[in-house]
C-alpha atoms as a PDB file:
ATOM      1  CA  MET A   1      58.167 -54.904 -31.787  1.00  0.00           C
ATOM      2  CA  ILE A   2      56.178 -51.892 -30.024  1.00  0.00           C
ATOM      3  CA  ASP A   3      55.500 -50.526 -33.484  1.00  0.00           C
ATOM      4  CA  ALA A   4      54.087 -53.590 -34.426  1.00  0.00           C
ATOM      5  CA  TRP A   5      52.075 -53.922 -31.412  1.00  0.00           C
ATOM      6  CA  LEU A   6      50.529 -50.361 -31.725  1.00  0.00           C
ATOM      7  CA  PRO A   7      47.270 -50.271 -33.932  1.00  0.00           C
ATOM      8  CA  LEU A   8      47.609 -48.014 -37.249  1.00  0.00           C
ATOM      9  CA  GLN A   9      45.010 -45.597 -36.157  1.00  0.00           C
ATOM     10  CA  GLU A  10      47.212 -44.496 -33.057  1.00  0.00           C
ATOM     11  CA  HIS A  11      48.978 -41.616 -34.844  1.00  0.00           C
ATOM     12  CA  ASP A  12      50.176 -39.835 -31.580  1.00  0.00           C
ATOM     13  CA  ALA A  13      51.142 -42.865 -29.936  1.00  0.00           C
ATOM     14  CA  ARG A  14      53.477 -43.796 -33.105  1.00  0.00           C
ATOM     15  CA  ARG A  15      55.176 -40.530 -33.083  1.00  0.00           C
ATOM     16  CA  PHE A  16      55.964 -40.677 -29.670  1.00  0.00           C
ATOM     17  CA  LEU A  17      57.659 -44.070 -30.006  1.00  0.00           C
ATOM     18  CA  ARG A  18      59.742 -42.608 -33.161  1.00  0.00           C
ATOM     19  CA  GLU A  19      60.654 -39.664 -31.018  1.00  0.00           C
ATOM     20  CA  ALA A  20      61.471 -42.336 -27.948  1.00  0.00           C
ATOM     21  CA  GLU A  21      63.593 -44.105 -30.422  1.00  0.00           C
ATOM     22  CA  ILE A  22      65.737 -41.394 -31.782  1.00  0.00           C
ATOM     23  CA  TRP A  23      66.426 -40.491 -28.051  1.00  0.00           C
ATOM     24  CA  LEU A  24      67.470 -43.923 -27.291  1.00  0.00           C
ATOM     25  CA  ALA A  25      69.542 -44.245 -30.284  1.00  0.00           C
ATOM     26  CA  GLY A  26      71.910 -41.249 -29.134  1.00  0.00           C
ATOM     27  CA  LEU A  27      72.413 -43.271 -25.334  1.00  0.00           C
ATOM     28  CA  PRO A  28      75.489 -44.842 -24.934  1.00  0.00           C
ATOM     29  CA  THR A  29      75.675 -48.475 -24.381  1.00  0.00           C
ATOM     30  CA  SER A  30      78.756 -49.426 -22.403  1.00  0.00           C
ATOM     31  CA  LEU A  31      78.900 -51.917 -20.081  1.00  0.00           C
ATOM     32  CA  ASP A  32      78.383 -49.470 -17.135  1.00  0.00           C
ATOM     33  CA  ASP A  33      75.241 -48.525 -18.831  1.00  0.00           C
ATOM     34  CA  TYR A  34      73.422 -51.099 -20.666  1.00  0.00           C
ATOM     35  CA  GLY A  35      73.053 -54.933 -20.098  1.00  0.00           C
ATOM     36  CA  LEU A  36      70.361 -57.505 -19.109  1.00  0.00           C
ATOM     37  CA  ILE A  37      67.757 -55.888 -16.805  1.00  0.00           C
ATOM     38  CA  HIS A  38      64.904 -57.523 -15.399  1.00  0.00           C
ATOM     39  CA  TRP A  39      62.315 -55.076 -17.184  1.00  0.00           C
ATOM     40  CA  ASP A  40      59.451 -55.528 -14.830  1.00  0.00           C
ATOM     41  CA  PHE A  41      61.168 -54.548 -11.706  1.00  0.00           C
ATOM     42  CA  CYS A  42      58.429 -53.707  -9.270  1.00  0.00           C
ATOM     43  CA  ILE A  43      56.659 -54.113  -5.826  1.00  0.00           C
ATOM     44  CA  ASP A  44      54.843 -56.747  -7.350  1.00  0.00           C
ATOM     45  CA  ASN A  45      57.855 -58.916  -8.096  1.00  0.00           C
ATOM     46  CA  LEU A  46      59.577 -58.810  -4.732  1.00  0.00           C
ATOM     47  CA  ALA A  47      59.020 -61.145  -1.595  1.00  0.00           C
ATOM     48  CA  TRP A  48      60.687 -60.742   1.653  1.00  0.00           C
ATOM     49  CA  GLU A  49      61.144 -63.479   4.053  1.00  0.00           C
ATOM     50  CA  GLU A  50      58.473 -62.576   6.518  1.00  0.00           C
ATOM     51  CA  GLU A  51      60.731 -62.996   9.575  1.00  0.00           C
ATOM     52  CA  ASP A  52      63.923 -61.371   8.056  1.00  0.00           C
ATOM     53  CA  GLN A  53      61.996 -58.399   6.337  1.00  0.00           C
ATOM     54  CA  GLN A  54      63.615 -55.578   8.586  1.00  0.00           C
ATOM     55  CA  ALA A  55      67.139 -57.525   7.413  1.00  0.00           C
ATOM     56  CA  GLY A  56      66.337 -57.126   3.703  1.00  0.00           C
ATOM     57  CA  HIS A  57      66.367 -60.494   2.687  1.00  0.00           C
ATOM     58  CA  TYR A  58      64.165 -60.575  -0.277  1.00  0.00           C
ATOM     59  CA  HIS A  59      63.744 -62.531  -3.322  1.00  0.00           C
ATOM     60  CA  ILE A  60      63.062 -61.077  -6.862  1.00  0.00           C
ATOM     61  CA  PHE A  61      60.837 -63.130  -9.419  1.00  0.00           C
ATOM     62  CA  ASP A  62      59.370 -63.176 -12.784  1.00  0.00           C
ATOM     63  CA  PHE A  63      61.937 -62.539 -15.213  1.00  0.00           C
ATOM     64  CA  ASP A  64      60.115 -63.482 -18.203  1.00  0.00           C
ATOM     65  CA  ASP A  65      60.297 -59.938 -19.408  1.00  0.00           C
ATOM     66  CA  ALA A  66      64.094 -59.879 -18.991  1.00  0.00           C
ATOM     67  CA  ALA A  67      66.068 -57.693 -22.016  1.00  0.00           C
ATOM     68  CA  TYR A  68      69.288 -55.960 -22.624  1.00  0.00           C
ATOM     69  CA  PHE A  69      68.363 -52.282 -22.042  1.00  0.00           C
ATOM     70  CA  TRP A  70      69.719 -49.371 -20.037  1.00  0.00           C
ATOM     71  CA  TYR A  71      70.181 -50.042 -16.283  1.00  0.00           C
ATOM     72  CA  ALA A  72      68.442 -46.768 -16.036  1.00  0.00           C
ATOM     73  CA  ALA A  73      65.188 -48.297 -17.356  1.00  0.00           C
ATOM     74  CA  ASP A  74      65.187 -50.979 -14.853  1.00  0.00           C
ATOM     75  CA  LEU A  75      65.370 -47.913 -12.136  1.00  0.00           C
ATOM     76  CA  ALA A  76      62.482 -46.234 -13.795  1.00  0.00           C
ATOM     77  CA  PHE A  77      60.239 -49.096 -13.864  1.00  0.00           C
ATOM     78  CA  ALA A  78      60.893 -49.904 -10.337  1.00  0.00           C
ATOM     79  CA  LEU A  79      60.196 -46.255  -9.032  1.00  0.00           C
ATOM     80  CA  ASP A  80      57.432 -45.336 -11.385  1.00  0.00           C
ATOM     81  CA  ASP A  81      54.875 -46.265  -8.832  1.00  0.00           C
ATOM     82  CA  ILE A  82      56.305 -43.965  -6.493  1.00  0.00           C
ATOM     83  CA  LEU A  83      56.589 -40.787  -8.720  1.00  0.00           C
ATOM     84  CA  GLU A  84      53.055 -39.433  -7.520  1.00  0.00           C
ATOM     85  CA  MET A  85      53.880 -39.665  -3.838  1.00  0.00           C
ATOM     86  CA  PRO A  86      54.219 -36.704  -2.037  1.00  0.00           C
ATOM     87  CA  GLN A  87      57.678 -35.337  -2.559  1.00  0.00           C
ATOM     88  CA  ASP A  88      59.149 -36.192   1.227  1.00  0.00           C
ATOM     89  CA  GLN A  89      58.020 -39.852   0.917  1.00  0.00           C
ATOM     90  CA  ARG A  90      59.060 -40.138  -2.614  1.00  0.00           C
ATOM     91  CA  ASP A  91      62.563 -38.665  -1.611  1.00  0.00           C
ATOM     92  CA  ARG A  92      62.789 -40.981   1.289  1.00  0.00           C
ATOM     93  CA  ILE A  93      61.807 -44.225  -0.905  1.00  0.00           C
ATOM     94  CA  MET A  94      63.825 -43.200  -3.664  1.00  0.00           C
ATOM     95  CA  GLY A  95      66.965 -42.389  -1.521  1.00  0.00           C
ATOM     96  CA  THR A  96      66.805 -45.856   0.293  1.00  0.00           C
ATOM     97  CA  PHE A  97      66.199 -47.451  -3.286  1.00  0.00           C
ATOM     98  CA  LEU A  98      69.195 -45.886  -5.246  1.00  0.00           C
ATOM     99  CA  ALA A  99      71.564 -46.563  -2.012  1.00  0.00           C
ATOM    100  CA  GLY A 100      70.812 -50.114  -2.444  1.00  0.00           C
ATOM    101  CA  TYR A 101      71.078 -49.847  -6.157  1.00  0.00           C
ATOM    102  CA  ARG A 102      74.511 -47.990  -6.128  1.00  0.00           C
ATOM    103  CA  ALA A 103      76.172 -50.937  -4.273  1.00  0.00           C
ATOM    104  CA  ILE A 104      75.484 -52.920  -7.312  1.00  0.00           C
ATOM    105  CA  ARG A 105      75.797 -50.298 -10.292  1.00  0.00           C
ATOM    106  CA  PRO A 106      77.789 -47.467  -8.953  1.00  0.00           C
ATOM    107  CA  ALA A 107      77.762 -45.358 -12.207  1.00  0.00           C
ATOM    108  CA  ILE A 108      73.908 -44.827 -12.120  1.00  0.00           C
ATOM    109  CA  ASP A 109      74.080 -41.525 -10.764  1.00  0.00           C
ATOM    110  CA  PRO A 110      74.711 -39.715 -14.255  1.00  0.00           C
ATOM    111  CA  TRP A 111      71.309 -41.631 -15.409  1.00  0.00           C
ATOM    112  CA  ILE A 112      69.320 -40.150 -12.427  1.00  0.00           C
ATOM    113  CA  ASP A 113      67.752 -37.315 -14.512  1.00  0.00           C
ATOM    114  CA  GLU A 114      66.763 -39.698 -17.445  1.00  0.00           C
ATOM    115  CA  ILE A 115      64.241 -41.606 -15.190  1.00  0.00           C
ATOM    116  CA  PRO A 116      61.196 -39.500 -16.524  1.00  0.00           C
ATOM    117  CA  ARG A 117      62.007 -40.422 -19.869  1.00  0.00           C
ATOM    118  CA  PHE A 118      62.393 -43.807 -19.720  1.00  0.00           C
ATOM    119  CA  VAL A 119      58.961 -43.861 -17.503  1.00  0.00           C
ATOM    120  CA  ARG A 120      57.603 -42.255 -20.619  1.00  0.00           C
ATOM    121  CA  PHE A 121      59.054 -45.017 -22.552  1.00  0.00           C
ATOM    122  CA  MET A 122      57.716 -47.883 -20.456  1.00  0.00           C
ATOM    123  CA  HIS A 123      54.220 -46.201 -20.727  1.00  0.00           C
ATOM    124  CA  ILE A 124      54.553 -46.564 -24.383  1.00  0.00           C
ATOM    125  CA  PHE A 125      55.709 -50.031 -24.186  1.00  0.00           C
ATOM    126  CA  LYS A 126      52.787 -51.101 -21.581  1.00  0.00           C
ATOM    127  CA  VAL A 127      50.047 -49.183 -23.660  1.00  0.00           C
ATOM    128  CA  ALA A 128      51.099 -51.228 -26.979  1.00  0.00           C
ATOM    129  CA  ARG A 129      51.457 -54.684 -25.003  1.00  0.00           C
ATOM    130  CA  VAL A 130      48.106 -54.251 -23.729  1.00  0.00           C
ATOM    131  CA  MET A 131      46.487 -52.985 -27.119  1.00  0.00           C
ATOM    132  CA  HIS A 132      48.122 -55.997 -28.608  1.00  0.00           C
ATOM    133  CA  ALA A 133      46.692 -58.471 -25.898  1.00  0.00           C
ATOM    134  CA  LEU A 134      43.209 -57.132 -26.244  1.00  0.00           C
ATOM    135  CA  ALA A 135      43.045 -56.891 -30.356  1.00  0.00           C
ATOM    136  CA  PRO A 136      42.113 -60.636 -31.131  1.00  0.00           C
ATOM    137  CA  ALA A 137      39.586 -60.857 -28.878  1.00  0.00           C
ATOM    138  CA  ASP A 138      35.657 -59.957 -29.482  1.00  0.00           C
ATOM    139  CA  PRO A 139      34.391 -57.682 -26.983  1.00  0.00           C
ATOM    140  CA  ALA A 140      31.013 -59.012 -27.372  1.00  0.00           C
ATOM    141  CA  LEU A 141      32.166 -62.296 -26.004  1.00  0.00           C
ATOM    142  CA  ASP A 142      33.810 -61.148 -22.740  1.00  0.00           C
ATOM    143  CA  PRO A 143      32.778 -62.191 -19.697  1.00  0.00           C
ATOM    144  CA  LEU A 144      31.575 -59.536 -17.204  1.00  0.00           C
ATOM    145  CA  TRP A 145      34.972 -59.118 -15.381  1.00  0.00           C
ATOM    146  CA  MET A 146      36.625 -58.721 -18.856  1.00  0.00           C
ATOM    147  CA  ALA A 147      34.071 -56.316 -19.901  1.00  0.00           C
ATOM    148  CA  GLU A 148      34.854 -54.383 -16.572  1.00  0.00           C
ATOM    149  CA  LEU A 149      38.644 -54.558 -16.948  1.00  0.00           C
ATOM    150  CA  ARG A 150      38.011 -53.147 -20.771  1.00  0.00           C
ATOM    151  CA  ILE A 151      36.512 -50.148 -19.332  1.00  0.00           C
ATOM    152  CA  LYS A 152      39.373 -49.693 -16.801  1.00  0.00           C
ATOM    153  CA  PHE A 153      41.769 -50.128 -19.970  1.00  0.00           C
ATOM    154  CA  GLU A 154      39.778 -47.483 -22.019  1.00  0.00           C
ATOM    155  CA  LYS A 155      40.298 -45.117 -19.463  1.00  0.00           C
ATOM    156  CA  TRP A 156      44.213 -45.554 -19.073  1.00  0.00           C
ATOM    157  CA  PHE A 157      44.333 -45.384 -22.778  1.00  0.00           C
ATOM    158  CA  ALA A 158      42.621 -42.094 -22.789  1.00  0.00           C
ATOM    159  CA  GLU A 159      45.232 -40.864 -20.192  1.00  0.00           C
ATOM    160  CA  MET A 160      48.069 -42.319 -22.079  1.00  0.00           C
ATOM    161  CA  ARG A 161      46.761 -40.750 -25.358  1.00  0.00           C
ATOM    162  CA  ALA A 162      46.839 -37.336 -23.593  1.00  0.00           C
ATOM    163  CA  LEU A 163      50.377 -37.980 -22.642  1.00  0.00           C
ATOM    164  CA  PHE A 164      51.313 -39.473 -26.140  1.00  0.00           C
ATOM    165  CA  ALA A 165      49.677 -36.214 -27.793  1.00  0.00           C
ATOM    166  CA  LYS A 166      52.544 -34.001 -26.008  1.00  0.00           C
ATOM    167  CA  SER A 167      56.438 -34.384 -27.230  1.00  0.00           C
ATOM    168  CA  PHE A 168      58.213 -37.637 -25.949  1.00  0.00           C
ATOM    169  CA  CYS A 169      61.150 -35.412 -24.663  1.00  0.00           C
END
């Protein structure tokens, strides 16, 4: 699907995807490692009950992207937003998140070192999805808000192309 979404001229992205596919093909798919994941597990898809926020009562929603994949990918998708934070803040949040995740998936620890690779895979997926969504639209017909959004996407695409110019692993 990702390959079909990427424009043909995105050579570095396609090479990056091939390298990611080779890496993914070598990963174990046991029941402890692989199964149904949310795929878009991020802060935007969580809601806390206002009176119970301290007690940890929350709801997860937006399961339309759910897929069978590695559980570590769900961690990567969820933790991507914190990777750029200062180390002490990142470690605190990650420690709390992992403690909760381990309560459900105790076999996650061997996968922690793979999170950066799953984040890189998530980037190629997101770029391909956005490029695919934008492809059929004629920019000349864009309303102002869409033209401004395209400018933001082009800046992001440039950042991602710099990532894709490097090796996946």
